[in-house]
């Protein structure tokens, strides 16, 4: 990449932000796979990738704690950028225009669009719930301190939140691949002015005016 071209790129994510994102992403994938292995006998074969059923059961909760800590860093850094605005409501009302790439009919998008914001707040709700319910069903360390009914309810709620998370992340990955340049932004940390102007014009305008660095 030439120096001239590099100077035109816009930094979207700092190195530590990207590291934080990928740590959260990797731990989530590990948790999703190990959780599915423990959830149903038909998926028990996945446990072989974690050293067998015993190691799967041991590692799953510890990695869950790691993901919670990692995501907490992302949440503290980006929550202000994910506040829902009037434009986001309009964006959601015109979701078919989003699907059909009729961006000229959409309101101005800031750093994140409404879909990204909804995923963020879904994770805000589900990840702490997964942590709390995970602790309640964590054998042999904590489950014995709770009534059996509480453990059963926690196990059900844990599974529901996991399903919501997995579904949301699948959509997130699809959208990242669908919109060319999005994955590169999280790998390299930069985007082109054209990408920013097309997909996040509000954020691009603030970058150009010096309101955001």
Protein backbone atom coordinates (compact mmCIF):
# COMPACT_ATOMS: atom_id res chain seq x y z
CA UNK A 1 0.00 0.00 0.00
CA UNK A 2 1.47 3.37 -0.96
CA UNK A 3 2.04 6.20 1.51
CA UNK A 4 -0.26 8.45 -0.51
CA UNK A 5 -3.09 5.89 -0.37
CA UNK A 6 -2.54 5.20 3.34
CA UNK A 7 -2.83 8.91 4.15
CA UNK A 8 -6.35 8.94 2.68
CA UNK A 9 -7.57 6.10 4.88
CA UNK A 10 -9.69 6.83 7.94
CA UNK A 11 -8.96 5.05 11.19
CA UNK A 12 -12.07 3.32 12.47
CA UNK A 13 -10.60 1.11 15.19
CA UNK A 14 -7.42 1.40 17.25
CA UNK A 15 -5.21 -1.70 17.71
CA UNK A 16 -6.44 -2.37 21.27
CA UNK A 17 -10.07 -2.03 20.14
CA UNK A 18 -9.50 -4.60 17.41
CA UNK A 19 -7.71 -6.93 19.83
CA UNK A 20 -10.63 -6.58 22.25
CA UNK A 21 -13.14 -7.34 19.49
CA UNK A 22 -11.33 -10.44 18.24
CA UNK A 23 -10.83 -11.78 21.77
CA UNK A 24 -14.57 -11.44 22.34
CA UNK A 25 -15.28 -13.04 18.95
CA UNK A 26 -12.95 -16.02 19.47
CA UNK A 27 -14.18 -16.70 23.01
CA UNK A 28 -17.77 -16.51 21.78
CA UNK A 29 -17.13 -19.09 19.05
CA UNK A 30 -15.46 -21.41 21.56
CA UNK A 31 -18.35 -20.95 23.97
CA UNK A 32 -20.97 -21.52 21.28
CA UNK A 33 -19.36 -24.76 20.12
CA UNK A 34 -18.63 -26.13 23.59
CA UNK A 35 -22.08 -25.08 24.78
CA UNK A 36 -23.76 -26.88 21.89
CA UNK A 37 -21.71 -30.00 22.73
CA UNK A 38 -23.09 -29.90 26.27
CA UNK A 39 -26.61 -28.92 25.23
CA UNK A 40 -27.75 -31.92 23.20
CA UNK A 41 -26.48 -35.49 22.58
CA UNK A 42 -26.62 -34.99 18.80
CA UNK A 43 -23.91 -32.35 19.11
CA UNK A 44 -21.85 -34.13 21.75
CA UNK A 45 -19.22 -35.02 19.11
CA UNK A 46 -18.06 -31.38 19.15
CA UNK A 47 -16.56 -32.02 22.59
CA UNK A 48 -13.69 -33.96 20.99
CA UNK A 49 -12.25 -30.64 19.77
CA UNK A 50 -11.90 -29.50 23.38
CA UNK A 51 -10.17 -32.62 24.68
CA UNK A 52 -13.30 -34.63 25.46
CA UNK A 53 -16.43 -34.10 27.57
CA UNK A 54 -14.62 -33.55 30.87
CA UNK A 55 -12.41 -30.79 29.51
CA UNK A 56 -15.34 -29.27 27.64
CA UNK A 57 -17.29 -28.96 30.87
CA UNK A 58 -14.26 -27.56 32.72
CA UNK A 59 -13.24 -25.01 30.10
CA UNK A 60 -16.69 -23.69 29.12
CA UNK A 61 -17.42 -21.61 32.26
CA UNK A 62 -13.90 -20.20 32.56
CA UNK A 63 -13.96 -19.06 28.94
CA UNK A 64 -17.39 -17.56 29.64
CA UNK A 65 -15.89 -15.38 32.37
CA UNK A 66 -13.13 -14.33 29.96
CA UNK A 67 -15.68 -13.33 27.31
CA UNK A 68 -17.64 -11.31 29.86
CA UNK A 69 -14.53 -9.36 30.85
CA UNK A 70 -13.54 -8.83 27.22
CA UNK A 71 -16.99 -7.66 26.15
CA UNK A 72 -17.16 -5.33 29.14
CA UNK A 73 -14.21 -3.45 27.65
CA UNK A 74 -16.06 -3.06 24.35
CA UNK A 75 -19.26 -2.00 26.10
CA UNK A 76 -17.53 0.72 28.13
CA UNK A 77 -15.75 2.02 25.04
CA UNK A 78 -18.63 2.10 22.56
CA UNK A 79 -21.90 2.44 24.47
CA UNK A 80 -22.25 6.15 23.64
CA UNK A 81 -22.03 5.36 19.92
CA UNK A 82 -24.86 2.84 20.26
CA UNK A 83 -27.56 5.03 21.76
CA UNK A 84 -30.77 4.72 19.74
CA UNK A 85 -31.78 7.86 17.83
CA UNK A 86 -34.79 8.92 15.77
CA UNK A 87 -32.85 8.09 12.59
CA UNK A 88 -32.38 4.54 13.87
CA UNK A 89 -36.14 4.11 14.28
CA UNK A 90 -36.68 5.31 10.71
CA UNK A 91 -33.88 2.98 9.50
CA UNK A 92 -35.64 0.02 11.10
CA UNK A 93 -39.00 1.05 9.64
CA UNK A 94 -37.36 1.02 6.20
CA UNK A 95 -35.56 -2.27 6.68
CA UNK A 96 -36.68 -3.52 3.27
CA UNK A 97 -34.82 -0.62 1.69
CA UNK A 98 -31.75 -1.77 3.63
CA UNK A 99 -32.12 -5.31 2.29
CA UNK A 100 -32.59 -4.05 -1.26
CA UNK A 101 -29.62 -1.61 -1.04
CA UNK A 102 -31.82 1.45 -1.60
CA UNK A 103 -29.59 3.57 0.59
CA UNK A 104 -30.86 6.83 -0.90
CA UNK A 105 -34.14 6.22 0.95
CA UNK A 106 -32.47 5.72 4.33
CA UNK A 107 -31.78 8.35 7.01
CA UNK A 108 -28.21 9.38 7.79
CA UNK A 109 -26.31 6.63 9.61
CA UNK A 110 -23.75 7.58 12.23
CA UNK A 111 -20.87 5.39 13.44
CA UNK A 112 -23.20 2.37 13.71
CA UNK A 113 -26.50 1.58 12.03
CA UNK A 114 -29.61 0.50 13.89
CA UNK A 115 -28.96 -3.20 13.28
CA UNK A 116 -25.52 -2.97 14.85
CA UNK A 117 -26.94 -1.03 17.77
CA UNK A 118 -29.66 -3.61 18.38
CA UNK A 119 -27.03 -6.36 18.47
CA UNK A 120 -24.97 -4.31 20.91
CA UNK A 121 -27.87 -3.86 23.34
CA UNK A 122 -28.89 -7.49 22.90
CA UNK A 123 -25.38 -8.45 23.99
CA UNK A 124 -25.60 -5.99 26.89
CA UNK A 125 -28.69 -7.88 28.07
CA UNK A 126 -27.67 -11.46 27.31
CA UNK A 127 -23.98 -11.64 28.23
CA UNK A 128 -24.42 -10.61 31.90
CA UNK A 129 -27.44 -12.95 32.06
CA UNK A 130 -25.31 -15.77 30.66
CA UNK A 131 -22.67 -15.03 33.30
CA UNK A 132 -25.12 -15.02 36.20
CA UNK A 133 -27.01 -18.11 35.08
CA UNK A 134 -23.72 -19.80 34.24
CA UNK A 135 -22.51 -19.29 37.79
CA UNK A 136 -25.75 -20.72 39.19
CA UNK A 137 -25.40 -23.92 37.13
CA UNK A 138 -21.59 -24.13 37.50
CA UNK A 139 -20.80 -27.52 38.99
CA UNK A 140 -19.16 -28.38 41.28
CA UNK A 141 -18.32 -24.89 42.53
CA UNK A 142 -21.57 -22.95 42.86
CA UNK A 143 -24.64 -24.97 41.83
CA UNK A 144 -24.84 -26.66 45.22
CA UNK A 145 -25.54 -23.32 46.92
CA UNK A 146 -28.79 -22.81 44.99
CA UNK A 147 -32.18 -24.57 45.19
CA UNK A 148 -32.67 -27.13 42.44
CA UNK A 149 -35.55 -25.12 40.96
CA UNK A 150 -33.27 -22.08 40.67
CA UNK A 151 -30.67 -24.22 38.89
CA UNK A 152 -33.28 -25.54 36.46
CA UNK A 153 -34.62 -22.06 35.68
CA UNK A 154 -31.06 -20.76 35.25
CA UNK A 155 -30.24 -23.60 32.86
CA UNK A 156 -33.30 -22.78 30.74
CA UNK A 157 -32.58 -19.05 30.72
CA UNK A 158 -28.93 -19.76 29.89
CA UNK A 159 -29.99 -21.79 26.85
CA UNK A 160 -32.46 -19.13 25.66
CA UNK A 161 -29.87 -16.34 25.93
CA UNK A 162 -27.30 -18.49 24.15
CA UNK A 163 -29.76 -19.11 21.30
CA UNK A 164 -30.46 -15.37 20.99
CA UNK A 165 -26.72 -14.60 21.00
CA UNK A 166 -25.84 -17.24 18.40
CA UNK A 167 -28.66 -16.07 16.12
CA UNK A 168 -27.60 -12.44 16.45
CA UNK A 169 -23.94 -13.16 15.78
CA UNK A 170 -24.78 -15.22 12.68
CA UNK A 171 -26.65 -12.20 11.28
CA UNK A 172 -23.74 -9.95 12.33
CA UNK A 173 -21.20 -12.10 10.48
CA UNK A 174 -23.41 -12.26 7.38
CA UNK A 175 -23.83 -8.47 7.34
CA UNK A 176 -20.09 -7.94 7.81
CA UNK A 177 -19.35 -10.13 4.80
CA UNK A 178 -22.22 -8.65 2.78
CA UNK A 179 -20.97 -5.07 3.19
CA UNK A 180 -17.56 -5.11 1.54
CA UNK A 181 -14.87 -3.43 3.62
CA UNK A 182 -16.46 -4.08 7.02
CA UNK A 183 -14.28 -7.09 7.87
CA UNK A 184 -11.21 -5.23 6.64
CA UNK A 185 -12.01 -2.37 9.02
CA UNK A 186 -11.78 -4.75 11.95
CA UNK A 187 -8.64 -6.43 10.60
CA UNK A 188 -6.64 -3.38 9.51
CA UNK A 189 -8.45 -0.75 11.55
CA UNK A 190 -9.00 1.60 8.61
CA UNK A 191 -11.62 2.31 5.95
CA UNK A 192 -11.63 4.35 2.78
CA UNK A 193 -13.40 7.74 2.71
CA UNK A 194 -15.77 6.29 0.08
CA UNK A 195 -16.77 3.44 2.40
CA UNK A 196 -17.34 5.79 5.33
CA UNK A 197 -19.32 8.27 3.22
CA UNK A 198 -21.53 5.53 1.75
CA UNK A 199 -22.27 3.44 4.83
CA UNK A 200 -21.83 5.86 7.75
CA UNK A 201 -22.25 9.41 6.39
CA UNK A 202 -22.96 10.95 9.80
CA UNK A 203 -19.75 9.55 11.23
CA UNK A 204 -17.83 10.54 8.09
CA UNK A 205 -19.10 14.13 8.36
CA UNK A 206 -17.95 14.39 11.96
CA UNK A 207 -14.57 12.90 11.07
CA UNK A 208 -14.13 15.44 8.28
CA UNK A 209 -15.14 18.33 10.53
CA UNK A 210 -12.75 17.20 13.26
CA UNK A 211 -15.50 16.50 15.80
CA UNK A 212 -14.27 12.90 16.18
CA UNK A 213 -10.75 11.50 15.98
